[in-house]
C-alpha atoms as a PDB file:
ATOM      1  CA  UNK A   1       3.483  21.217  -2.218  1.00  0.00           C
ATOM      2  CA  UNK A   2       7.239  21.570  -2.090  1.00  0.00           C
ATOM      3  CA  UNK A   3       8.798  23.873   0.474  1.00  0.00           C
ATOM      4  CA  UNK A   4      11.902  25.522  -0.893  1.00  0.00           C
ATOM      5  CA  UNK A   5      14.687  27.420   0.779  1.00  0.00           C
ATOM      6  CA  UNK A   6      14.809  30.879  -0.691  1.00  0.00           C
ATOM      7  CA  UNK A   7      18.541  31.586  -0.559  1.00  0.00           C
ATOM      8  CA  UNK A   8      18.486  31.518  -4.353  1.00  0.00           C
ATOM      9  CA  UNK A   9      16.402  34.713  -4.137  1.00  0.00           C
ATOM     10  CA  UNK A  10      18.246  36.383  -1.251  1.00  0.00           C
ATOM     11  CA  UNK A  11      21.977  35.862  -0.767  1.00  0.00           C
ATOM     12  CA  UNK A  12      22.504  32.923   1.587  1.00  0.00           C
ATOM     13  CA  UNK A  13      25.456  34.658   3.221  1.00  0.00           C
ATOM     14  CA  UNK A  14      23.321  37.671   4.072  1.00  0.00           C
ATOM     15  CA  UNK A  15      20.645  35.464   5.603  1.00  0.00           C
ATOM     16  CA  UNK A  16      23.286  33.622   7.619  1.00  0.00           C
ATOM     17  CA  UNK A  17      24.901  36.838   8.900  1.00  0.00           C
ATOM     18  CA  UNK A  18      21.486  38.153   9.882  1.00  0.00           C
ATOM     19  CA  UNK A  19      20.453  34.946  11.610  1.00  0.00           C
ATOM     20  CA  UNK A  20      17.382  34.744   9.395  1.00  0.00           C
ATOM     21  CA  UNK A  21      15.734  31.716   7.798  1.00  0.00           C
ATOM     22  CA  UNK A  22      13.564  32.183   4.719  1.00  0.00           C
ATOM     23  CA  UNK A  23      11.359  29.639   2.951  1.00  0.00           C
ATOM     24  CA  UNK A  24       8.570  29.813   0.386  1.00  0.00           C
ATOM     25  CA  UNK A  25       5.733  27.302   0.314  1.00  0.00           C
ATOM     26  CA  UNK A  26       3.272  28.012  -2.472  1.00  0.00           C
ATOM     27  CA  UNK A  27       1.640  31.385  -1.776  1.00  0.00           C
ATOM     28  CA  UNK A  28       3.220  31.700   1.671  1.00  0.00           C
ATOM     29  CA  UNK A  29       6.678  32.888   2.709  1.00  0.00           C
ATOM     30  CA  UNK A  30       8.009  32.235   6.203  1.00  0.00           C
ATOM     31  CA  UNK A  31      10.718  34.362   7.807  1.00  0.00           C
ATOM     32  CA  UNK A  32      12.322  32.872  10.903  1.00  0.00           C
ATOM     33  CA  UNK A  33      14.598  34.764  13.265  1.00  0.00           C
ATOM     34  CA  UNK A  34      17.023  31.923  13.827  1.00  0.00           C
ATOM     35  CA  UNK A  35      19.372  32.690  16.708  1.00  0.00           C
ATOM     36  CA  UNK A  36      17.571  30.757  19.440  1.00  0.00           C
ATOM     37  CA  UNK A  37      20.675  30.616  21.651  1.00  0.00           C
ATOM     38  CA  UNK A  38      20.558  34.459  21.734  1.00  0.00           C
ATOM     39  CA  UNK A  39      16.751  34.589  22.007  1.00  0.00           C
ATOM     40  CA  UNK A  40      16.779  35.824  18.395  1.00  0.00           C
ATOM     41  CA  UNK A  41      18.458  39.105  19.269  1.00  0.00           C
ATOM     42  CA  UNK A  42      18.728  41.383  16.234  1.00  0.00           C
ATOM     43  CA  UNK A  43      21.675  43.134  14.583  1.00  0.00           C
ATOM     44  CA  UNK A  44      21.942  45.465  11.582  1.00  0.00           C
ATOM     45  CA  UNK A  45      22.585  42.333   9.508  1.00  0.00           C
ATOM     46  CA  UNK A  46      19.147  41.075  10.589  1.00  0.00           C
ATOM     47  CA  UNK A  47      17.496  44.235   9.327  1.00  0.00           C
ATOM     48  CA  UNK A  48      19.453  44.128   6.078  1.00  0.00           C
ATOM     49  CA  UNK A  49      18.319  40.537   5.513  1.00  0.00           C
ATOM     50  CA  UNK A  50      14.696  41.477   6.243  1.00  0.00           C
ATOM     51  CA  UNK A  51      14.926  44.409   3.829  1.00  0.00           C
ATOM     52  CA  UNK A  52      16.290  42.255   1.031  1.00  0.00           C
ATOM     53  CA  UNK A  53      13.616  39.605   1.614  1.00  0.00           C
ATOM     54  CA  UNK A  54      10.951  42.280   1.220  1.00  0.00           C
ATOM     55  CA  UNK A  55      12.532  43.472  -2.020  1.00  0.00           C
ATOM     56  CA  UNK A  56      12.798  39.939  -3.390  1.00  0.00           C
ATOM     57  CA  UNK A  57       9.226  38.724  -2.947  1.00  0.00           C
ATOM     58  CA  UNK A  58       7.269  38.173  -6.126  1.00  0.00           C
ATOM     59  CA  UNK A  59       3.521  38.669  -6.635  1.00  0.00           C
ATOM     60  CA  UNK A  60       2.883  34.947  -6.139  1.00  0.00           C
ATOM     61  CA  UNK A  61       3.536  35.348  -2.397  1.00  0.00           C
ATOM     62  CA  UNK A  62       0.248  36.298  -0.780  1.00  0.00           C
ATOM     63  CA  UNK A  63       1.063  35.832   2.920  1.00  0.00           C
ATOM     64  CA  UNK A  64       4.243  36.338   4.939  1.00  0.00           C
ATOM     65  CA  UNK A  65       4.629  34.784   8.391  1.00  0.00           C
ATOM     66  CA  UNK A  66       7.323  36.138  10.716  1.00  0.00           C
ATOM     67  CA  UNK A  67       8.349  33.916  13.621  1.00  0.00           C
ATOM     68  CA  UNK A  68      11.215  33.187  15.982  1.00  0.00           C
ATOM     69  CA  UNK A  69      13.052  29.909  16.471  1.00  0.00           C
ATOM     70  CA  UNK A  70      13.016  28.423  19.956  1.00  0.00           C
ATOM     71  CA  UNK A  71      11.257  29.823  22.984  1.00  0.00           C
ATOM     72  CA  UNK A  72      11.221  33.552  22.123  1.00  0.00           C
ATOM     73  CA  UNK A  73      10.130  35.667  19.185  1.00  0.00           C
ATOM     74  CA  UNK A  74      12.952  38.176  19.715  1.00  0.00           C
ATOM     75  CA  UNK A  75      14.599  39.652  22.798  1.00  0.00           C
ATOM     76  CA  UNK A  76      15.396  42.845  20.891  1.00  0.00           C
ATOM     77  CA  UNK A  77      18.797  44.329  20.133  1.00  0.00           C
ATOM     78  CA  UNK A  78      21.918  42.225  20.391  1.00  0.00           C
ATOM     79  CA  UNK A  79      23.544  43.673  23.519  1.00  0.00           C
ATOM     80  CA  UNK A  80      26.889  43.872  21.743  1.00  0.00           C
ATOM     81  CA  UNK A  81      25.476  46.852  19.852  1.00  0.00           C
ATOM     82  CA  UNK A  82      25.754  48.913  23.033  1.00  0.00           C
ATOM     83  CA  UNK A  83      29.551  48.663  22.982  1.00  0.00           C
ATOM     84  CA  UNK A  84      32.144  50.631  21.040  1.00  0.00           C
ATOM     85  CA  UNK A  85      33.177  47.896  18.621  1.00  0.00           C
ATOM     86  CA  UNK A  86      31.371  47.002  15.435  1.00  0.00           C
ATOM     87  CA  UNK A  87      29.249  43.852  15.596  1.00  0.00           C
ATOM     88  CA  UNK A  88      30.309  41.359  12.941  1.00  0.00           C
ATOM     89  CA  UNK A  89      31.269  44.265  10.720  1.00  0.00           C
ATOM     90  CA  UNK A  90      28.040  46.204  11.323  1.00  0.00           C
ATOM     91  CA  UNK A  91      27.961  49.505  13.225  1.00  0.00           C
ATOM     92  CA  UNK A  92      27.001  49.576  16.880  1.00  0.00           C
ATOM     93  CA  UNK A  93      25.425  52.562  18.619  1.00  0.00           C
ATOM     94  CA  UNK A  94      28.739  54.216  19.408  1.00  0.00           C
ATOM     95  CA  UNK A  95      29.860  53.890  15.793  1.00  0.00           C
ATOM     96  CA  UNK A  96      26.637  55.513  14.617  1.00  0.00           C
ATOM     97  CA  UNK A  97      27.195  58.371  17.059  1.00  0.00           C
ATOM     98  CA  UNK A  98      30.569  59.074  15.421  1.00  0.00           C
ATOM     99  CA  UNK A  99      29.078  59.194  11.910  1.00  0.00           C
ATOM    100  CA  UNK A 100      28.146  62.491  10.249  1.00  0.00           C
ATOM    101  CA  UNK A 101      24.459  63.113  10.933  1.00  0.00           C
ATOM    102  CA  UNK A 102      23.409  62.618   7.309  1.00  0.00           C
ATOM    103  CA  UNK A 103      25.237  59.294   7.082  1.00  0.00           C
ATOM    104  CA  UNK A 104      23.859  57.996  10.382  1.00  0.00           C
ATOM    105  CA  UNK A 105      20.352  59.071   9.372  1.00  0.00           C
ATOM    106  CA  UNK A 106      20.663  57.188   6.077  1.00  0.00           C
ATOM    107  CA  UNK A 107      21.871  54.042   7.864  1.00  0.00           C
ATOM    108  CA  UNK A 108      18.949  54.082  10.301  1.00  0.00           C
ATOM    109  CA  UNK A 109      16.577  54.659   7.376  1.00  0.00           C
ATOM    110  CA  UNK A 110      17.994  51.483   5.837  1.00  0.00           C
ATOM    111  CA  UNK A 111      17.375  49.605   9.090  1.00  0.00           C
ATOM    112  CA  UNK A 112      13.764  50.834   9.126  1.00  0.00           C
ATOM    113  CA  UNK A 113      13.183  49.462   5.629  1.00  0.00           C
ATOM    114  CA  UNK A 114      13.618  45.973   7.035  1.00  0.00           C
ATOM    115  CA  UNK A 115      10.363  46.529   8.929  1.00  0.00           C
ATOM    116  CA  UNK A 116       8.330  49.025   6.877  1.00  0.00           C
ATOM    117  CA  UNK A 117       7.694  46.752   3.880  1.00  0.00           C
ATOM    118  CA  UNK A 118       5.700  44.435   6.137  1.00  0.00           C
ATOM    119  CA  UNK A 119       2.870  47.015   6.142  1.00  0.00           C
ATOM    120  CA  UNK A 120       2.786  47.469   2.369  1.00  0.00           C
ATOM    121  CA  UNK A 121      -0.526  46.336   0.831  1.00  0.00           C
ATOM    122  CA  UNK A 122       1.016  43.803  -1.561  1.00  0.00           C
ATOM    123  CA  UNK A 123       0.491  40.917   0.860  1.00  0.00           C
ATOM    124  CA  UNK A 124      -0.803  40.079   4.340  1.00  0.00           C
ATOM    125  CA  UNK A 125       1.813  39.716   7.074  1.00  0.00           C
ATOM    126  CA  UNK A 126       1.377  37.725  10.277  1.00  0.00           C
ATOM    127  CA  UNK A 127       3.615  37.718  13.351  1.00  0.00           C
ATOM    128  CA  UNK A 128       3.631  34.393  15.220  1.00  0.00           C
ATOM    129  CA  UNK A 129       4.786  35.417  18.688  1.00  0.00           C
ATOM    130  CA  UNK A 130       5.757  33.126  21.522  1.00  0.00           C
ATOM    131  CA  UNK A 131       7.818  34.072  24.551  1.00  0.00           C
ATOM    132  CA  UNK A 132       9.437  37.486  24.632  1.00  0.00           C
ATOM    133  CA  UNK A 133       9.027  40.208  22.022  1.00  0.00           C
ATOM    134  CA  UNK A 134      11.117  43.028  23.471  1.00  0.00           C
ATOM    135  CA  UNK A 135      12.142  46.327  21.903  1.00  0.00           C
ATOM    136  CA  UNK A 136      13.040  45.629  18.285  1.00  0.00           C
ATOM    137  CA  UNK A 137      11.179  42.323  18.653  1.00  0.00           C
ATOM    138  CA  UNK A 138       8.007  44.142  19.712  1.00  0.00           C
ATOM    139  CA  UNK A 139       8.445  46.597  16.843  1.00  0.00           C
ATOM    140  CA  UNK A 140       8.842  43.740  14.368  1.00  0.00           C
ATOM    141  CA  UNK A 141       5.580  42.209  15.582  1.00  0.00           C
ATOM    142  CA  UNK A 142       3.882  45.628  15.354  1.00  0.00           C
ATOM    143  CA  UNK A 143       5.077  45.981  11.759  1.00  0.00           C
ATOM    144  CA  UNK A 144       2.901  43.031  10.728  1.00  0.00           C
ATOM    145  CA  UNK A 145      -0.768  43.330   9.809  1.00  0.00           C
ATOM    146  CA  UNK A 146      -1.838  40.574  12.218  1.00  0.00           C
ATOM    147  CA  UNK A 147      -0.420  39.004  15.378  1.00  0.00           C
ATOM    148  CA  UNK A 148      -1.050  35.576  16.889  1.00  0.00           C
ATOM    149  CA  UNK A 149       0.352  35.244  20.409  1.00  0.00           C
ATOM    150  CA  UNK A 150       0.864  32.273  22.662  1.00  0.00           C
ATOM    151  CA  UNK A 151      -0.267  32.356  26.268  1.00  0.00           C
ATOM    152  CA  UNK A 152       3.352  32.744  27.403  1.00  0.00           C
ATOM    153  CA  UNK A 153       4.017  35.755  25.135  1.00  0.00           C
ATOM    154  CA  UNK A 154       5.410  38.886  26.760  1.00  0.00           C
ATOM    155  CA  UNK A 155       5.635  42.227  24.923  1.00  0.00           C
ATOM    156  CA  UNK A 156       7.791  45.124  26.079  1.00  0.00           C
ATOM    157  CA  UNK A 157       9.044  48.382  24.570  1.00  0.00           C
ATOM    158  CA  UNK A 158      12.393  48.668  26.316  1.00  0.00           C
ATOM    159  CA  UNK A 159      14.158  51.419  24.341  1.00  0.00           C
ATOM    160  CA  UNK A 160      13.254  54.455  26.444  1.00  0.00           C
ATOM    161  CA  UNK A 161      14.532  52.807  29.618  1.00  0.00           C
ATOM    162  CA  UNK A 162      17.864  52.302  27.856  1.00  0.00           C
ATOM    163  CA  UNK A 163      18.051  55.988  26.944  1.00  0.00           C
ATOM    164  CA  UNK A 164      16.951  55.396  23.355  1.00  0.00           C
ATOM    165  CA  UNK A 165      13.704  55.700  21.394  1.00  0.00           C
ATOM    166  CA  UNK A 166      11.801  53.108  19.354  1.00  0.00           C
ATOM    167  CA  UNK A 167      13.134  53.923  15.870  1.00  0.00           C
ATOM    168  CA  UNK A 168      12.241  50.886  13.748  1.00  0.00           C
ATOM    169  CA  UNK A 169       8.741  52.065  12.909  1.00  0.00           C
ATOM    170  CA  UNK A 170       7.022  50.893  16.086  1.00  0.00           C
ATOM    171  CA  UNK A 171       5.616  54.170  17.409  1.00  0.00           C
ATOM    172  CA  UNK A 172       2.969  54.706  14.721  1.00  0.00           C
ATOM    173  CA  UNK A 173       1.280  51.274  14.831  1.00  0.00           C
ATOM    174  CA  UNK A 174       1.489  51.277  18.627  1.00  0.00           C
ATOM    175  CA  UNK A 175      -0.368  54.599  18.943  1.00  0.00           C
ATOM    176  CA  UNK A 176      -2.891  53.575  16.287  1.00  0.00           C
ATOM    177  CA  UNK A 177      -3.585  50.319  18.100  1.00  0.00           C
ATOM    178  CA  UNK A 178      -3.724  51.321  21.764  1.00  0.00           C
ATOM    179  CA  UNK A 179      -4.098  55.120  21.670  1.00  0.00           C
ATOM    180  CA  UNK A 180      -1.718  57.886  22.677  1.00  0.00           C
ATOM    181  CA  UNK A 181      -2.017  57.681  26.469  1.00  0.00           C
ATOM    182  CA  UNK A 182      -1.581  53.915  26.640  1.00  0.00           C
ATOM    183  CA  UNK A 183       1.354  54.096  24.216  1.00  0.00           C
ATOM    184  CA  UNK A 184       3.018  56.687  26.462  1.00  0.00           C
ATOM    185  CA  UNK A 185       2.618  54.379  29.442  1.00  0.00           C
ATOM    186  CA  UNK A 186       3.913  51.321  27.569  1.00  0.00           C
ATOM    187  CA  UNK A 187       6.987  53.109  26.219  1.00  0.00           C
ATOM    188  CA  UNK A 188       7.983  55.170  29.257  1.00  0.00           C
ATOM    189  CA  UNK A 189       7.463  52.502  31.903  1.00  0.00           C
ATOM    190  CA  UNK A 190       8.896  49.704  29.766  1.00  0.00           C
ATOM    191  CA  UNK A 191       6.518  47.352  31.528  1.00  0.00           C
ATOM    192  CA  UNK A 192       5.679  43.875  30.306  1.00  0.00           C
ATOM    193  CA  UNK A 193       2.379  43.265  28.506  1.00  0.00           C
ATOM    194  CA  UNK A 194       1.160  39.727  28.944  1.00  0.00           C
ATOM    195  CA  UNK A 195      -0.834  37.913  26.298  1.00  0.00           C
ATOM    196  CA  UNK A 196      -4.268  38.408  27.828  1.00  0.00           C
ATOM    197  CA  UNK A 197      -3.762  42.176  28.100  1.00  0.00           C
ATOM    198  CA  UNK A 198      -2.347  42.281  24.560  1.00  0.00           C
ATOM    199  CA  UNK A 199      -5.575  40.704  23.351  1.00  0.00           C
ATOM    200  CA  UNK A 200      -7.691  43.264  25.228  1.00  0.00           C
ATOM    201  CA  UNK A 201      -5.642  46.156  23.824  1.00  0.00           C
ATOM    202  CA  UNK A 202      -5.834  44.914  20.245  1.00  0.00           C
ATOM    203  CA  UNK A 203      -2.131  44.075  20.088  1.00  0.00           C
ATOM    204  CA  UNK A 204      -3.064  40.440  19.441  1.00  0.00           C
ATOM    205  CA  UNK A 205      -5.676  39.070  17.071  1.00  0.00           C
ATOM    206  CA  UNK A 206      -5.763  35.813  19.000  1.00  0.00           C
ATOM    207  CA  UNK A 207      -3.996  34.014  21.847  1.00  0.00           C
ATOM    208  CA  UNK A 208      -3.405  30.264  21.790  1.00  0.00           C
ATOM    209  CA  UNK A 209      -1.513  27.657  23.761  1.00  0.00           C
ATOM    210  CA  UNK A 210       2.108  27.299  22.617  1.00  0.00           C
ATOM    211  CA  UNK A 211       1.504  23.898  21.043  1.00  0.00           C
ATOM    212  CA  UNK A 212      -1.336  25.408  18.973  1.00  0.00           C
ATOM    213  CA  UNK A 213       0.639  28.293  17.475  1.00  0.00           C
ATOM    214  CA  UNK A 214       1.527  26.611  14.175  1.00  0.00           C
ATOM    215  CA  UNK A 215      -2.021  25.404  13.595  1.00  0.00           C
ATOM    216  CA  UNK A 216      -3.540  28.791  14.441  1.00  0.00           C
ATOM    217  CA  UNK A 217      -1.144  30.620  12.122  1.00  0.00           C
ATOM    218  CA  UNK A 218      -1.771  28.096   9.335  1.00  0.00           C
ATOM    219  CA  UNK A 219      -5.534  28.565   9.664  1.00  0.00           C
ATOM    220  CA  UNK A 220      -5.264  32.365   9.615  1.00  0.00           C
ATOM    221  CA  UNK A 221      -2.816  32.368   6.704  1.00  0.00           C
ATOM    222  CA  UNK A 222      -5.099  30.111   4.667  1.00  0.00           C
ATOM    223  CA  UNK A 223      -8.127  32.294   5.424  1.00  0.00           C
ATOM    224  CA  UNK A 224      -6.568  35.627   4.425  1.00  0.00           C
ATOM    225  CA  UNK A 225      -5.140  34.124   1.225  1.00  0.00           C
ATOM    226  CA  UNK A 226      -8.570  33.108  -0.078  1.00  0.00           C
ATOM    227  CA  UNK A 227      -9.903  36.384  -1.578  1.00  0.00           C
ATOM    228  CA  UNK A 228      -8.582  37.508  -4.985  1.00  0.00           C
ATOM    229  CA  UNK A 229      -5.181  39.136  -4.712  1.00  0.00           C
ATOM    230  CA  UNK A 230      -6.273  42.445  -6.229  1.00  0.00           C
ATOM    231  CA  UNK A 231      -9.166  42.749  -3.789  1.00  0.00           C
ATOM    232  CA  UNK A 232      -6.849  42.082  -0.827  1.00  0.00           C
ATOM    233  CA  UNK A 233      -4.303  44.620  -2.047  1.00  0.00           C
ATOM    234  CA  UNK A 234      -6.899  47.358  -2.570  1.00  0.00           C
ATOM    235  CA  UNK A 235      -8.625  46.624   0.755  1.00  0.00           C
ATOM    236  CA  UNK A 236      -5.358  46.773   2.693  1.00  0.00           C
ATOM    237  CA  UNK A 237      -4.502  50.095   1.067  1.00  0.00           C
ATOM    238  CA  UNK A 238      -7.935  51.480   1.978  1.00  0.00           C
ATOM    239  CA  UNK A 239      -7.658  50.313   5.583  1.00  0.00           C
ATOM    240  CA  UNK A 240      -4.203  51.868   5.960  1.00  0.00           C
ATOM    241  CA  UNK A 241      -5.508  55.150   4.604  1.00  0.00           C
ATOM    242  CA  UNK A 242      -8.569  55.031   6.856  1.00  0.00           C
ATOM    243  CA  UNK A 243      -6.305  54.410   9.830  1.00  0.00           C
ATOM    244  CA  UNK A 244      -4.549  57.687   9.072  1.00  0.00           C
ATOM    245  CA  UNK A 245      -7.786  59.563   9.855  1.00  0.00           C
ATOM    246  CA  UNK A 246      -8.089  61.238   6.454  1.00  0.00           C
ATOM    247  CA  UNK A 247     -11.052  63.414   5.577  1.00  0.00           C
ATOM    248  CA  UNK A 248     -14.194  61.226   5.281  1.00  0.00           C
ATOM    249  CA  UNK A 249     -14.864  62.502   1.758  1.00  0.00           C
ATOM    250  CA  UNK A 250     -11.314  61.575   0.747  1.00  0.00           C
ATOM    251  CA  UNK A 251     -11.854  58.083   2.106  1.00  0.00           C
ATOM    252  CA  UNK A 252     -15.132  57.707   0.211  1.00  0.00           C
ATOM    253  CA  UNK A 253     -13.401  58.863  -2.969  1.00  0.00           C
ATOM    254  CA  UNK A 254     -10.555  56.399  -2.375  1.00  0.00           C
ATOM    255  CA  UNK A 255     -13.076  53.581  -1.913  1.00  0.00           C
ATOM    256  CA  UNK A 256     -14.798  54.516  -5.181  1.00  0.00           C
ATOM    257  CA  UNK A 257     -11.519  54.627  -7.090  1.00  0.00           C
ATOM    258  CA  UNK A 258     -10.390  51.286  -5.670  1.00  0.00           C
ATOM    259  CA  UNK A 259     -13.727  49.680  -6.482  1.00  0.00           C
ATOM    260  CA  UNK A 260     -13.617  50.959 -10.050  1.00  0.00           C
ATOM    261  CA  UNK A 261     -10.149  49.437 -10.460  1.00  0.00           C
ATOM    262  CA  UNK A 262     -11.422  46.137  -9.130  1.00  0.00           C
ATOM    263  CA  UNK A 263     -14.494  46.169 -11.389  1.00  0.00           C
ATOM    264  CA  UNK A 264     -12.338  46.936 -14.411  1.00  0.00           C
ATOM    265  CA  UNK A 265      -9.952  44.104 -13.577  1.00  0.00           C
ATOM    266  CA  UNK A 266     -12.784  41.624 -13.009  1.00  0.00           C
ATOM    267  CA  UNK A 267     -14.442  42.680 -16.269  1.00  0.00           C
ATOM    268  CA  UNK A 268     -11.173  42.180 -18.095  1.00  0.00           C
ATOM    269  CA  UNK A 269     -10.845  38.703 -16.610  1.00  0.00           C
ATOM    270  CA  UNK A 270     -14.411  37.816 -17.625  1.00  0.00           C
ATOM    271  CA  UNK A 271     -13.788  39.095 -21.124  1.00  0.00           C
ATOM    272  CA  UNK A 272     -10.708  36.927 -21.509  1.00  0.00           C
ATOM    273  CA  UNK A 273     -12.550  33.737 -20.463  1.00  0.00           C
END
């Protein structure tokens, strides 16, 4: 099946400024952080490109894989953001500090949207992580439903040590995955989590040798794309809700409602055959 570049869907200039590659191959979209010489460090342009990709995807895309070019997934923020000058026309931290609070809040909310759509139930998202996933890179991996790590993967939440906080949506999935106390330790110490520990903590679904990453991701992507799309969408929504520790009766009611929607859709399909 043909693999097509998707700059006809998302502006090619935006993808280029963000250092992001984007292709669609049948039911699968692949997003590649493509600044290997900078270890795929991220800028506001990166987050804008990610946000627009999320907005552009049609219902035919069932799986999204997020990966990094070269030897690292992402080393986090582009260090130029810590200066006073804008970075390629995008605001750095000092520029945000000079904004009115409402404006700065709205800009950060826009950055967060580049990550938050990855947890929407419309499709399954997989992070393919090799090498370092630091700060914003770790948060991007956490935004995905599933994570495949290589044996040389290293995860680290570096923001607190820099005087900042993780603000790209990483705190909620981190606490849900490892628990409050372990999340406190990970964030406040900024220590490195190696692949074997990530697997024990539930931060990785599997760990493979670097030369097996593509094959492992392909196998997982094919497997999760097999069930009917409506069933996947409803199941993901139920699992997200369950993860929020809602009242058990509410969860049972949500399961009933989702199942009734599925039965109605299947009956409609049978009736049209």
